[in-house]
Amino acid sequence: MAHSLSQLCQQRNIRCAFTLGSGLESNERNVREQLTAAYISVPPESLRDDLQLEAVGKGANVLLMTAPENDNTDAGGVFYQPRKLANGLIGVNPVQLYFDFTLHGNRGQEQANFLVEHALGFRE
């Protein structure tokens, strides 16, 4: 799903940056999750039909998010200094990834703590 989303966004000139588990490099991964999560620069509804997605209240396996307008720029926010992942996808920068995991719930805090030590270079 992640590669399909990435290709569709490239074709339509839509900004897209993957986060949570789909924004991690393999050496940054501490928790397995079957969720594709990305920030996009258009309303998620505009891609839903093309990706054959259904809106669900709970248990989704694809999470498309649009950042608040003031966080949707190159100067800061979710698209600030994105990085190219080894799998060819564009991911959010590691600091944004850390924040997203801290807010995610489930085992997100555990993954955020792992990122602090292994990806951001801080030692607790």
PDB file of N, CA and C in Angstrom:
ATOM      1  N   MET A   1       0.817  -1.200   0.000  1.00  0.00           N
ATOM      2  CA  MET A   1       0.000   0.000   0.000  1.00  0.00           C
ATOM      3  C   MET A   1       0.861   1.264   0.000  1.00  0.00           C
ATOM      4  N   ALA A   2       1.973   1.249   0.743  1.00  0.00           N
ATOM      5  CA  ALA A   2       2.809   2.447   0.849  1.00  0.00           C
ATOM      6  C   ALA A   2       3.360   2.858  -0.513  1.00  0.00           C
ATOM      7  N   HIS A   3       3.817   1.891  -1.292  1.00  0.00           N
ATOM      8  CA  HIS A   3       4.373   2.222  -2.604  1.00  0.00           C
ATOM      9  C   HIS A   3       3.288   2.715  -3.564  1.00  0.00           C
ATOM     10  N   SER A   4       2.084   2.161  -3.476  1.00  0.00           N
ATOM     11  CA  SER A   4       0.972   2.637  -4.301  1.00  0.00           C
ATOM     12  C   SER A   4       0.633   4.083  -3.964  1.00  0.00           C
ATOM     13  N   LEU A   5       0.597   4.391  -2.671  1.00  0.00           N
ATOM     14  CA  LEU A   5       0.327   5.758  -2.233  1.00  0.00           C
ATOM     15  C   LEU A   5       1.425   6.703  -2.716  1.00  0.00           C
ATOM     16  N   SER A   6       2.660   6.294  -2.574  1.00  0.00           N
ATOM     17  CA  SER A   6       3.791   7.120  -3.004  1.00  0.00           C
ATOM     18  C   SER A   6       3.726   7.411  -4.500  1.00  0.00           C
ATOM     19  N   GLN A   7       3.437   6.392  -5.301  1.00  0.00           N
ATOM     20  CA  GLN A   7       3.351   6.578  -6.754  1.00  0.00           C
ATOM     21  C   GLN A   7       2.199   7.492  -7.137  1.00  0.00           C
ATOM     22  N   LEU A   8       1.048   7.311  -6.508  1.00  0.00           N
ATOM     23  CA  LEU A   8      -0.106   8.157  -6.796  1.00  0.00           C
ATOM     24  C   LEU A   8       0.206   9.616  -6.452  1.00  0.00           C
ATOM     25  N   CYS A   9       0.844   9.838  -5.319  1.00  0.00           N
ATOM     26  CA  CYS A   9       1.197  11.199  -4.924  1.00  0.00           C
ATOM     27  C   CYS A   9       2.204  11.815  -5.897  1.00  0.00           C
ATOM     28  N   GLN A  10       3.164  11.040  -6.352  1.00  0.00           N
ATOM     29  CA  GLN A  10       4.130  11.552  -7.333  1.00  0.00           C
ATOM     30  C   GLN A  10       3.430  11.931  -8.631  1.00  0.00           C
ATOM     31  N   GLN A  11       2.511  11.097  -9.100  1.00  0.00           N
ATOM     32  CA  GLN A  11       1.785  11.368 -10.344  1.00  0.00           C
ATOM     33  C   GLN A  11       0.964  12.650 -10.252  1.00  0.00           C
ATOM     34  N   ARG A  12       0.426  12.921  -9.074  1.00  0.00           N
ATOM     35  CA  ARG A  12      -0.450  14.082  -8.889  1.00  0.00           C
ATOM     36  C   ARG A  12       0.261  15.287  -8.268  1.00  0.00           C
ATOM     37  N   ASN A  13       1.565  15.183  -8.082  1.00  0.00           N
ATOM     38  CA  ASN A  13       2.345  16.271  -7.484  1.00  0.00           C
ATOM     39  C   ASN A  13       1.812  16.651  -6.097  1.00  0.00           C
ATOM     40  N   ILE A  14       1.560  15.626  -5.287  1.00  0.00           N
ATOM     41  CA  ILE A  14       1.073  15.784  -3.920  1.00  0.00           C
ATOM     42  C   ILE A  14       2.223  15.460  -2.977  1.00  0.00           C
ATOM     43  N   ARG A  15       2.427  16.312  -2.001  1.00  0.00           N
ATOM     44  CA  ARG A  15       3.471  16.028  -1.006  1.00  0.00           C
ATOM     45  C   ARG A  15       3.021  14.876  -0.127  1.00  0.00           C
ATOM     46  N   CYS A  16       3.965  13.985   0.161  1.00  0.00           N
ATOM     47  CA  CYS A  16       3.675  12.799   0.956  1.00  0.00           C
ATOM     48  C   CYS A  16       4.926  12.447   1.750  1.00  0.00           C
ATOM     49  N   ALA A  17       4.764  12.206   3.041  1.00  0.00           N
ATOM     50  CA  ALA A  17       5.877  11.781   3.892  1.00  0.00           C
ATOM     51  C   ALA A  17       5.349  10.728   4.864  1.00  0.00           C
ATOM     52  N   PHE A  18       5.987   9.574   4.877  1.00  0.00           N
ATOM     53  CA  PHE A  18       5.545   8.454   5.705  1.00  0.00           C
ATOM     54  C   PHE A  18       6.035   8.611   7.136  1.00  0.00           C
ATOM     55  N   THR A  19       5.223   8.139   8.053  1.00  0.00           N
ATOM     56  CA  THR A  19       5.525   8.236   9.475  1.00  0.00           C
ATOM     57  C   THR A  19       5.135   6.937  10.170  1.00  0.00           C
ATOM     58  N   LEU A  20       5.324   6.909  11.465  1.00  0.00           N
ATOM     59  CA  LEU A  20       5.100   5.724  12.280  1.00  0.00           C
ATOM     60  C   LEU A  20       5.883   4.560  11.675  1.00  0.00           C
ATOM     61  N   GLY A  21       5.369   3.356  11.688  1.00  0.00           N
ATOM     62  CA  GLY A  21       6.121   2.201  11.235  1.00  0.00           C
ATOM     63  C   GLY A  21       6.570   2.284   9.791  1.00  0.00           C
ATOM     64  N   SER A  22       5.785   2.925   8.936  1.00  0.00           N
ATOM     65  CA  SER A  22       6.158   3.029   7.525  1.00  0.00           C
ATOM     66  C   SER A  22       7.170   4.142   7.267  1.00  0.00           C
ATOM     67  N   GLY A  23       7.521   4.901   8.298  1.00  0.00           N
ATOM     68  CA  GLY A  23       8.541   5.932   8.181  1.00  0.00           C
ATOM     69  C   GLY A  23       9.859   5.541   8.816  1.00  0.00           C
ATOM     70  N   LEU A  24       9.975   4.281   9.205  1.00  0.00           N
ATOM     71  CA  LEU A  24      11.185   3.790   9.879  1.00  0.00           C
ATOM     72  C   LEU A  24      12.110   3.047   8.920  1.00  0.00           C
ATOM     73  N   GLU A  25      13.404   3.154   9.182  1.00  0.00           N
ATOM     74  CA  GLU A  25      14.383   2.280   8.545  1.00  0.00           C
ATOM     75  C   GLU A  25      14.385   0.979   9.356  1.00  0.00           C
ATOM     76  N   SER A  26      14.861  -0.093   8.776  1.00  0.00           N
ATOM     77  CA  SER A  26      14.820  -1.383   9.478  1.00  0.00           C
ATOM     78  C   SER A  26      15.624  -1.367  10.777  1.00  0.00           C
ATOM     79  N   ASN A  27      16.732  -0.636  10.814  1.00  0.00           N
ATOM     80  CA  ASN A  27      17.546  -0.588  12.033  1.00  0.00           C
ATOM     81  C   ASN A  27      16.943   0.313  13.119  1.00  0.00           C
ATOM     82  N   GLU A  28      15.894   1.055  12.797  1.00  0.00           N
ATOM     83  CA  GLU A  28      15.230   1.924  13.761  1.00  0.00           C
ATOM     84  C   GLU A  28      13.994   1.254  14.368  1.00  0.00           C
ATOM     85  N   ARG A  29      13.648   0.114  13.847  1.00  0.00           N
ATOM     86  CA  ARG A  29      12.400  -0.557  14.225  1.00  0.00           C
ATOM     87  C   ARG A  29      12.581  -1.391  15.486  1.00  0.00           C
ATOM     88  N   ASN A  30      11.723  -1.134  16.459  1.00  0.00           N
ATOM     89  CA  ASN A  30      11.702  -1.893  17.702  1.00  0.00           C
ATOM     90  C   ASN A  30      10.363  -2.596  17.870  1.00  0.00           C
ATOM     91  N   VAL A  31       9.325  -2.067  17.238  1.00  0.00           N
ATOM     92  CA  VAL A  31       7.960  -2.574  17.362  1.00  0.00           C
ATOM     93  C   VAL A  31       7.419  -2.841  15.965  1.00  0.00           C
ATOM     94  N   ARG A  32       6.799  -3.966  15.761  1.00  0.00           N
ATOM     95  CA  ARG A  32       6.171  -4.297  14.477  1.00  0.00           C
ATOM     96  C   ARG A  32       4.732  -3.784  14.468  1.00  0.00           C
ATOM     97  N   GLU A  33       4.372  -3.188  13.338  1.00  0.00           N
ATOM     98  CA  GLU A  33       3.021  -2.663  13.210  1.00  0.00           C
ATOM     99  C   GLU A  33       2.603  -2.768  11.756  1.00  0.00           C
ATOM    100  N   GLN A  34       1.380  -3.163  11.509  1.00  0.00           N
ATOM    101  CA  GLN A  34       0.875  -3.343  10.153  1.00  0.00           C
ATOM    102  C   GLN A  34       0.041  -2.138   9.707  1.00  0.00           C
ATOM    103  N   LEU A  35       0.516  -0.955  10.023  1.00  0.00           N
ATOM    104  CA  LEU A  35      -0.196   0.272   9.686  1.00  0.00           C
ATOM    105  C   LEU A  35       0.651   1.092   8.725  1.00  0.00           C
ATOM    106  N   THR A  36       0.059   1.497   7.611  1.00  0.00           N
ATOM    107  CA  THR A  36       0.706   2.436   6.701  1.00  0.00           C
ATOM    108  C   THR A  36       0.208   3.818   7.090  1.00  0.00           C
ATOM    109  N   ALA A  37       1.129   4.700   7.472  1.00  0.00           N
ATOM    110  CA  ALA A  37       0.744   6.036   7.933  1.00  0.00           C
ATOM    111  C   ALA A  37       1.549   7.081   7.177  1.00  0.00           C
ATOM    112  N   ALA A  38       0.869   8.109   6.690  1.00  0.00           N
ATOM    113  CA  ALA A  38       1.552   9.157   5.936  1.00  0.00           C
ATOM    114  C   ALA A  38       0.833  10.478   6.087  1.00  0.00           C
ATOM    115  N   TYR A  39       1.628  11.540   6.014  1.00  0.00           N
ATOM    116  CA  TYR A  39       1.087  12.889   5.887  1.00  0.00           C
ATOM    117  C   TYR A  39       0.997  13.188   4.399  1.00  0.00           C
ATOM    118  N   ILE A  40      -0.099  13.797   3.993  1.00  0.00           N
ATOM    119  CA  ILE A  40      -0.259  14.208   2.603  1.00  0.00           C
ATOM    120  C   ILE A  40      -0.711  15.664   2.588  1.00  0.00           C
ATOM    121  N   SER A  41      -0.466  16.334   1.475  1.00  0.00           N
ATOM    122  CA  SER A  41      -0.747  17.772   1.397  1.00  0.00           C
ATOM    123  C   SER A  41      -2.127  18.091   0.834  1.00  0.00           C
ATOM    124  N   VAL A  42      -2.966  17.092   0.698  1.00  0.00           N
ATOM    125  CA  VAL A  42      -4.344  17.289   0.226  1.00  0.00           C
ATOM    126  C   VAL A  42      -5.279  16.556   1.185  1.00  0.00           C
ATOM    127  N   PRO A  43      -6.572  16.869   1.154  1.00  0.00           N
ATOM    128  CA  PRO A  43      -7.498  16.121   2.009  1.00  0.00           C
ATOM    129  C   PRO A  43      -7.466  14.624   1.664  1.00  0.00           C
ATOM    130  N   PRO A  44      -7.422  13.766   2.665  1.00  0.00           N
ATOM    131  CA  PRO A  44      -7.348  12.318   2.415  1.00  0.00           C
ATOM    132  C   PRO A  44      -8.467  11.783   1.521  1.00  0.00           C
ATOM    133  N   GLU A  45      -9.627  12.388   1.592  1.00  0.00           N
ATOM    134  CA  GLU A  45     -10.758  11.925   0.788  1.00  0.00           C
ATOM    135  C   GLU A  45     -10.454  11.975  -0.706  1.00  0.00           C
ATOM    136  N   SER A  46      -9.574  12.887  -1.119  1.00  0.00           N
ATOM    137  CA  SER A  46      -9.275  13.031  -2.542  1.00  0.00           C
ATOM    138  C   SER A  46      -8.486  11.850  -3.105  1.00  0.00           C
ATOM    139  N   LEU A  47      -7.906  11.007  -2.232  1.00  0.00           N
ATOM    140  CA  LEU A  47      -7.151   9.837  -2.678  1.00  0.00           C
ATOM    141  C   LEU A  47      -7.845   8.517  -2.359  1.00  0.00           C
ATOM    142  N   ARG A  48      -8.877   8.579  -1.563  1.00  0.00           N
ATOM    143  CA  ARG A  48      -9.522   7.355  -1.059  1.00  0.00           C
ATOM    144  C   ARG A  48      -9.995   6.427  -2.174  1.00  0.00           C
ATOM    145  N   ASP A  49     -10.701   6.954  -3.157  1.00  0.00           N
ATOM    146  CA  ASP A  49     -11.245   6.107  -4.218  1.00  0.00           C
ATOM    147  C   ASP A  49     -10.139   5.484  -5.067  1.00  0.00           C
ATOM    148  N   ASP A  50      -9.150   6.284  -5.423  1.00  0.00           N
ATOM    149  CA  ASP A  50      -8.057   5.768  -6.258  1.00  0.00           C
ATOM    150  C   ASP A  50      -7.265   4.668  -5.553  1.00  0.00           C
ATOM    151  N   LEU A  51      -7.170   4.741  -4.239  1.00  0.00           N
ATOM    152  CA  LEU A  51      -6.452   3.722  -3.475  1.00  0.00           C
ATOM    153  C   LEU A  51      -7.378   2.596  -3.005  1.00  0.00           C
ATOM    154  N   GLN A  52      -8.672   2.707  -3.329  1.00  0.00           N
ATOM    155  CA  GLN A  52      -9.685   1.732  -2.944  1.00  0.00           C
ATOM    156  C   GLN A  52      -9.714   1.516  -1.430  1.00  0.00           C
ATOM    157  N   LEU A  53      -9.799   2.648  -0.714  1.00  0.00           N
ATOM    158  CA  LEU A  53      -9.839   2.616   0.742  1.00  0.00           C
ATOM    159  C   LEU A  53     -11.247   2.920   1.220  1.00  0.00           C
ATOM    160  N   GLU A  54     -11.608   2.344   2.339  1.00  0.00           N
ATOM    161  CA  GLU A  54     -12.878   2.641   2.989  1.00  0.00           C
ATOM    162  C   GLU A  54     -12.606   3.368   4.292  1.00  0.00           C
ATOM    163  N   ALA A  55     -13.433   4.343   4.611  1.00  0.00           N
ATOM    164  CA  ALA A  55     -13.313   5.032   5.888  1.00  0.00           C
ATOM    165  C   ALA A  55     -13.865   4.113   6.978  1.00  0.00           C
ATOM    166  N   VAL A  56     -13.074   3.924   8.032  1.00  0.00           N
ATOM    167  CA  VAL A  56     -13.513   3.101   9.156  1.00  0.00           C
ATOM    168  C   VAL A  56     -13.257   3.861  10.447  1.00  0.00           C
ATOM    169  N   GLY A  57     -14.034   3.552  11.463  1.00  0.00           N
ATOM    170  CA  GLY A  57     -13.886   4.223  12.746  1.00  0.00           C
ATOM    171  C   GLY A  57     -12.783   3.646  13.607  1.00  0.00           C
ATOM    172  N   LYS A  58     -12.488   2.355  13.405  1.00  0.00           N
ATOM    173  CA  LYS A  58     -11.509   1.696  14.261  1.00  0.00           C
ATOM    174  C   LYS A  58     -10.887   0.538  13.487  1.00  0.00           C
ATOM    175  N   GLY A  59      -9.612   0.262  13.768  1.00  0.00           N
ATOM    176  CA  GLY A  59      -8.950  -0.876  13.156  1.00  0.00           C
ATOM    177  C   GLY A  59      -8.414  -0.642  11.764  1.00  0.00           C
ATOM    178  N   ALA A  60      -8.168   0.590  11.407  1.00  0.00           N
ATOM    179  CA  ALA A  60      -7.668   0.897  10.066  1.00  0.00           C
ATOM    180  C   ALA A  60      -6.252   0.377   9.878  1.00  0.00           C
ATOM    181  N   ASN A  61      -5.911   0.050   8.630  1.00  0.00           N
ATOM    182  CA  ASN A  61      -4.533  -0.331   8.338  1.00  0.00           C
ATOM    183  C   ASN A  61      -3.833   0.710   7.470  1.00  0.00           C
ATOM    184  N   VAL A  62      -4.554   1.774   7.114  1.00  0.00           N
ATOM    185  CA  VAL A  62      -3.973   2.917   6.394  1.00  0.00           C
ATOM    186  C   VAL A  62      -4.454   4.181   7.095  1.00  0.00           C
ATOM    187  N   LEU A  63      -3.495   5.037   7.441  1.00  0.00           N
ATOM    188  CA  LEU A  63      -3.807   6.294   8.110  1.00  0.00           C
ATOM    189  C   LEU A  63      -3.226   7.429   7.279  1.00  0.00           C
ATOM    190  N   LEU A  64      -4.097   8.223   6.660  1.00  0.00           N
ATOM    191  CA  LEU A  64      -3.672   9.385   5.879  1.00  0.00           C
ATOM    192  C   LEU A  64      -4.027  10.631   6.664  1.00  0.00           C
ATOM    193  N   MET A  65      -3.021  11.493   6.870  1.00  0.00           N
ATOM    194  CA  MET A  65      -3.219  12.672   7.707  1.00  0.00           C
ATOM    195  C   MET A  65      -2.807  13.931   6.949  1.00  0.00           C
ATOM    196  N   THR A  66      -3.498  14.999   7.217  1.00  0.00           N
ATOM    197  CA  THR A  66      -3.134  16.313   6.701  1.00  0.00           C
ATOM    198  C   THR A  66      -2.777  17.176   7.900  1.00  0.00           C
ATOM    199  N   ALA A  67      -1.588  17.750   7.864  1.00  0.00           N
ATOM    200  CA  ALA A  67      -1.139  18.588   8.972  1.00  0.00           C
ATOM    201  C   ALA A  67      -1.899  19.910   8.978  1.00  0.00           C
ATOM    202  N   PRO A  68      -1.994  20.551  10.136  1.00  0.00           N
ATOM    203  CA  PRO A  68      -2.573  21.895  10.163  1.00  0.00           C
ATOM    204  C   PRO A  68      -1.825  22.807   9.190  1.00  0.00           C
ATOM    205  N   GLU A  69      -2.512  23.768   8.630  1.00  0.00           N
ATOM    206  CA  GLU A  69      -1.944  24.628   7.587  1.00  0.00           C
ATOM    207  C   GLU A  69      -0.587  25.215   7.969  1.00  0.00           C
ATOM    208  N   ASN A  70      -0.440  25.697   9.206  1.00  0.00           N
ATOM    209  CA  ASN A  70       0.827  26.314   9.602  1.00  0.00           C
ATOM    210  C   ASN A  70       1.943  25.289   9.795  1.00  0.00           C
ATOM    211  N   ASP A  71       1.613  23.994   9.818  1.00  0.00           N
ATOM    212  CA  ASP A  71       2.620  22.942   9.930  1.00  0.00           C
ATOM    213  C   ASP A  71       2.867  22.244   8.599  1.00  0.00           C
ATOM    214  N   ASN A  72       2.373  22.788   7.546  1.00  0.00           N
ATOM    215  CA  ASN A  72       2.416  22.141   6.241  1.00  0.00           C
ATOM    216  C   ASN A  72       3.368  22.872   5.296  1.00  0.00           C
ATOM    217  N   THR A  73       4.542  23.297   5.800  1.00  0.00           N
ATOM    218  CA  THR A  73       5.467  24.086   4.996  1.00  0.00           C
ATOM    219  C   THR A  73       6.876  23.497   5.041  1.00  0.00           C
ATOM    220  N   ASP A  74       7.745  24.007   4.178  1.00  0.00           N
ATOM    221  CA  ASP A  74       9.153  23.606   4.187  1.00  0.00           C
ATOM    222  C   ASP A  74       9.893  24.220   5.369  1.00  0.00           C
ATOM    223  N   ALA A  75       9.375  25.295   5.941  1.00  0.00           N
ATOM    224  CA  ALA A  75      10.063  25.998   7.029  1.00  0.00           C
ATOM    225  C   ALA A  75       9.935  25.270   8.357  1.00  0.00           C
ATOM    226  N   GLY A  76       9.010  24.363   8.447  1.00  0.00           N
ATOM    227  CA  GLY A  76       8.805  23.617   9.682  1.00  0.00           C
ATOM    228  C   GLY A  76       7.602  22.716   9.551  1.00  0.00           C
ATOM    229  N   GLY A  77       7.460  21.832  10.493  1.00  0.00           N
ATOM    230  CA  GLY A  77       6.321  20.941  10.464  1.00  0.00           C
ATOM    231  C   GLY A  77       6.630  19.601   9.845  1.00  0.00           C
ATOM    232  N   VAL A  78       5.613  18.903   9.414  1.00  0.00           N
ATOM    233  CA  VAL A  78       5.743  17.513   8.997  1.00  0.00           C
ATOM    234  C   VAL A  78       6.555  17.309   7.721  1.00  0.00           C
ATOM    235  N   PHE A  79       6.656  18.324   6.885  1.00  0.00           N
ATOM    236  CA  PHE A  79       7.425  18.183   5.648  1.00  0.00           C
ATOM    237  C   PHE A  79       8.817  18.797   5.742  1.00  0.00           C
ATOM    238  N   TYR A  80       9.219  19.201   6.928  1.00  0.00           N
ATOM    239  CA  TYR A  80      10.542  19.805   7.117  1.00  0.00           C
ATOM    240  C   TYR A  80      11.624  18.733   7.055  1.00  0.00           C
ATOM    241  N   GLN A  81      12.549  18.890   6.169  1.00  0.00           N
ATOM    242  CA  GLN A  81      13.688  17.990   5.979  1.00  0.00           C
ATOM    243  C   GLN A  81      13.294  16.516   5.972  1.00  0.00           C
ATOM    244  N   PRO A  82      12.452  16.127   5.009  1.00  0.00           N
ATOM    245  CA  PRO A  82      12.113  14.710   4.902  1.00  0.00           C
ATOM    246  C   PRO A  82      13.348  13.910   4.498  1.00  0.00           C
ATOM    247  N   ARG A  83      13.288  12.617   4.667  1.00  0.00           N
ATOM    248  CA  ARG A  83      14.436  11.781   4.321  1.00  0.00           C
ATOM    249  C   ARG A  83      14.003  10.647   3.408  1.00  0.00           C
ATOM    250  N   LYS A  84      14.915  10.259   2.526  1.00  0.00           N
ATOM    251  CA  LYS A  84      14.645   9.141   1.628  1.00  0.00           C
ATOM    252  C   LYS A  84      15.025   7.854   2.355  1.00  0.00           C
ATOM    253  N   LEU A  85      14.075   6.950   2.457  1.00  0.00           N
ATOM    254  CA  LEU A  85      14.286   5.689   3.147  1.00  0.00           C
ATOM    255  C   LEU A  85      14.914   4.674   2.193  1.00  0.00           C
ATOM    256  N   ALA A  86      15.527   3.657   2.738  1.00  0.00           N
ATOM    257  CA  ALA A  86      16.189   2.625   1.934  1.00  0.00           C
ATOM    258  C   ALA A  86      15.224   1.932   0.981  1.00  0.00           C
ATOM    259  N   ASN A  87      13.931   1.875   1.331  1.00  0.00           N
ATOM    260  CA  ASN A  87      12.939   1.228   0.464  1.00  0.00           C
ATOM    261  C   ASN A  87      12.412   2.156  -0.633  1.00  0.00           C
ATOM    262  N   GLY A  88      12.969   3.374  -0.731  1.00  0.00           N
ATOM    263  CA  GLY A  88      12.585   4.320  -1.776  1.00  0.00           C
ATOM    264  C   GLY A  88      11.503   5.305  -1.379  1.00  0.00           C
ATOM    265  N   LEU A  89      10.862   5.101  -0.245  1.00  0.00           N
ATOM    266  CA  LEU A  89       9.816   6.009   0.212  1.00  0.00           C
ATOM    267  C   LEU A  89      10.428   7.245   0.858  1.00  0.00           C
ATOM    268  N   ILE A  90       9.648   8.304   0.938  1.00  0.00           N
ATOM    269  CA  ILE A  90      10.060   9.520   1.642  1.00  0.00           C
ATOM    270  C   ILE A  90       9.432   9.476   3.032  1.00  0.00           C
ATOM    271  N   GLY A  91      10.263   9.599   4.057  1.00  0.00           N
ATOM    272  CA  GLY A  91       9.787   9.581   5.429  1.00  0.00           C
ATOM    273  C   GLY A  91       9.940  10.942   6.077  1.00  0.00           C
ATOM    274  N   VAL A  92       9.174  11.172   7.116  1.00  0.00           N
ATOM    275  CA  VAL A  92       9.349  12.397   7.899  1.00  0.00           C
ATOM    276  C   VAL A  92      10.713  12.343   8.569  1.00  0.00           C
ATOM    277  N   ASN A  93      11.211  13.483   9.006  1.00  0.00           N
ATOM    278  CA  ASN A  93      12.514  13.482   9.681  1.00  0.00           C
ATOM    279  C   ASN A  93      12.394  12.786  11.040  1.00  0.00           C
ATOM    280  N   PRO A  94      13.506  12.307  11.585  1.00  0.00           N
ATOM    281  CA  PRO A  94      13.450  11.522  12.825  1.00  0.00           C
ATOM    282  C   PRO A  94      12.819  12.235  14.016  1.00  0.00           C
ATOM    283  N   VAL A  95      12.936  13.548  14.087  1.00  0.00           N
ATOM    284  CA  VAL A  95      12.319  14.272  15.210  1.00  0.00           C
ATOM    285  C   VAL A  95      10.797  14.218  15.085  1.00  0.00           C
ATOM    286  N   GLN A  96      10.264  14.449  13.891  1.00  0.00           N
ATOM    287  CA  GLN A  96       8.817  14.338  13.678  1.00  0.00           C
ATOM    288  C   GLN A  96       8.349  12.913  13.956  1.00  0.00           C
ATOM    289  N   LEU A  97       9.135  11.945  13.534  1.00  0.00           N
ATOM    290  CA  LEU A  97       8.818  10.540  13.769  1.00  0.00           C
ATOM    291  C   LEU A  97       8.704  10.260  15.272  1.00  0.00           C
ATOM    292  N   TYR A  98       9.638  10.800  16.027  1.00  0.00           N
ATOM    293  CA  TYR A  98       9.602  10.649  17.487  1.00  0.00           C
ATOM    294  C   TYR A  98       8.298  11.221  18.058  1.00  0.00           C
ATOM    295  N   PHE A  99       7.944  12.438  17.650  1.00  0.00           N
ATOM    296  CA  PHE A  99       6.711  13.053  18.162  1.00  0.00           C
ATOM    297  C   PHE A  99       5.478  12.230  17.792  1.00  0.00           C
ATOM    298  N   ASP A 100       5.456  11.749  16.551  1.00  0.00           N
ATOM    299  CA  ASP A 100       4.300  10.960  16.120  1.00  0.00           C
ATOM    300  C   ASP A 100       4.157   9.692  16.949  1.00  0.00           C
ATOM    301  N   PHE A 101       5.268   9.023  17.238  1.00  0.00           N
ATOM    302  CA  PHE A 101       5.194   7.816  18.060  1.00  0.00           C
ATOM    303  C   PHE A 101       4.765   8.133  19.491  1.00  0.00           C
ATOM    304  N   THR A 102       5.198   9.252  20.048  1.00  0.00           N
ATOM    305  CA  THR A 102       4.791   9.575  21.421  1.00  0.00           C
ATOM    306  C   THR A 102       3.286   9.824  21.510  1.00  0.00           C
ATOM    307  N   LEU A 103       2.676  10.283  20.433  1.00  0.00           N
ATOM    308  CA  LEU A 103       1.237  10.558  20.421  1.00  0.00           C
ATOM    309  C   LEU A 103       0.411   9.370  19.948  1.00  0.00           C
ATOM    310  N   HIS A 104       1.049   8.368  19.398  1.00  0.00           N
ATOM    311  CA  HIS A 104       0.345   7.261  18.740  1.00  0.00           C
ATOM    312  C   HIS A 104      -0.379   6.324  19.688  1.00  0.00           C
ATOM    313  N   GLY A 105       0.117   6.148  20.876  1.00  0.00           N
ATOM    314  CA  GLY A 105      -0.514   5.185  21.772  1.00  0.00           C
ATOM    315  C   GLY A 105       0.011   3.790  21.485  1.00  0.00           C
ATOM    316  N   ASN A 106      -0.741   2.780  21.901  1.00  0.00           N
ATOM    317  CA  ASN A 106      -0.304   1.386  21.773  1.00  0.00           C
ATOM    318  C   ASN A 106       1.123   1.256  22.280  1.00  0.00           C
ATOM    319  N   ARG A 107       2.021   0.799  21.465  1.00  0.00           N
ATOM    320  CA  ARG A 107       3.424   0.668  21.869  1.00  0.00           C
ATOM    321  C   ARG A 107       4.257   1.815  21.296  1.00  0.00           C
ATOM    322  N   GLY A 108       3.601   2.905  20.952  1.00  0.00           N
ATOM    323  CA  GLY A 108       4.278   4.054  20.371  1.00  0.00           C
ATOM    324  C   GLY A 108       5.351   4.653  21.261  1.00  0.00           C
ATOM    325  N   GLN A 109       5.089   4.747  22.549  1.00  0.00           N
ATOM    326  CA  GLN A 109       6.077   5.322  23.465  1.00  0.00           C
ATOM    327  C   GLN A 109       7.322   4.455  23.529  1.00  0.00           C
ATOM    328  N   GLU A 110       7.140   3.153  23.488  1.00  0.00           N
ATOM    329  CA  GLU A 110       8.287   2.236  23.481  1.00  0.00           C
ATOM    330  C   GLU A 110       9.144   2.458  22.230  1.00  0.00           C
ATOM    331  N   GLN A 111       8.487   2.609  21.071  1.00  0.00           N
ATOM    332  CA  GLN A 111       9.222   2.868  19.835  1.00  0.00           C
ATOM    333  C   GLN A 111       9.877   4.244  19.881  1.00  0.00           C
ATOM    334  N   ALA A 112       9.202   5.236  20.442  1.00  0.00           N
ATOM    335  CA  ALA A 112       9.776   6.583  20.564  1.00  0.00           C
ATOM    336  C   ALA A 112      11.046   6.545  21.408  1.00  0.00           C
ATOM    337  N   ASN A 113      11.010   5.826  22.513  1.00  0.00           N
ATOM    338  CA  ASN A 113      12.200   5.707  23.363  1.00  0.00           C
ATOM    339  C   ASN A 113      13.346   5.030  22.623  1.00  0.00           C
ATOM    340  N   PHE A 114      13.046   4.024  21.824  1.00  0.00           N
ATOM    341  CA  PHE A 114      14.056   3.343  21.021  1.00  0.00           C
ATOM    342  C   PHE A 114      14.680   4.310  20.014  1.00  0.00           C
ATOM    343  N   LEU A 115      13.850   5.161  19.404  1.00  0.00           N
ATOM    344  CA  LEU A 115      14.353   6.150  18.447  1.00  0.00           C
ATOM    345  C   LEU A 115      15.300   7.146  19.102  1.00  0.00           C
ATOM    346  N   VAL A 116      14.972   7.565  20.311  1.00  0.00           N
ATOM    347  CA  VAL A 116      15.822   8.531  21.009  1.00  0.00           C
ATOM    348  C   VAL A 116      17.246   8.004  21.101  1.00  0.00           C
ATOM    349  N   GLU A 117      17.372   6.764  21.444  1.00  0.00           N
ATOM    350  CA  GLU A 117      18.703   6.191  21.630  1.00  0.00           C
ATOM    351  C   GLU A 117      19.366   5.777  20.325  1.00  0.00           C
ATOM    352  N   HIS A 118      18.612   5.182  19.405  1.00  0.00           N
ATOM    353  CA  HIS A 118      19.221   4.577  18.219  1.00  0.00           C
ATOM    354  C   HIS A 118      19.206   5.461  16.965  1.00  0.00           C
ATOM    355  N   ALA A 119      18.228   6.304  16.804  1.00  0.00           N
ATOM    356  CA  ALA A 119      18.166   7.131  15.591  1.00  0.00           C
ATOM    357  C   ALA A 119      18.565   8.574  15.839  1.00  0.00           C
ATOM    358  N   LEU A 120      18.221   9.088  16.995  1.00  0.00           N
ATOM    359  CA  LEU A 120      18.531  10.485  17.284  1.00  0.00           C
ATOM    360  C   LEU A 120      19.864  10.640  17.994  1.00  0.00           C
ATOM    361  N   GLY A 121      20.432   9.542  18.440  1.00  0.00           N
ATOM    362  CA  GLY A 121      21.776   9.569  19.050  1.00  0.00           C
ATOM    363  C   GLY A 121      21.844  10.044  20.476  1.00  0.00           C
ATOM    364  N   PHE A 122      20.722  10.112  21.152  1.00  0.00           N
ATOM    365  CA  PHE A 122      20.721  10.492  22.557  1.00  0.00           C
ATOM    366  C   PHE A 122      20.765   9.241  23.409  1.00  0.00           C
ATOM    367  N   ARG A 123      21.425   9.313  24.522  1.00  0.00           N
ATOM    368  CA  ARG A 123      21.460   8.175  25.441  1.00  0.00           C
ATOM    369  C   ARG A 123      20.756   8.578  26.716  1.00  0.00           C
ATOM    370  N   GLU A 124      19.917   7.693  27.193  1.00  0.00           N
ATOM    371  CA  GLU A 124      19.171   7.992  28.431  1.00  0.00           C
ATOM    372  C   GLU A 124      20.030   7.693  29.633  1.00  0.00           C
TER     373      GLU A 124
END
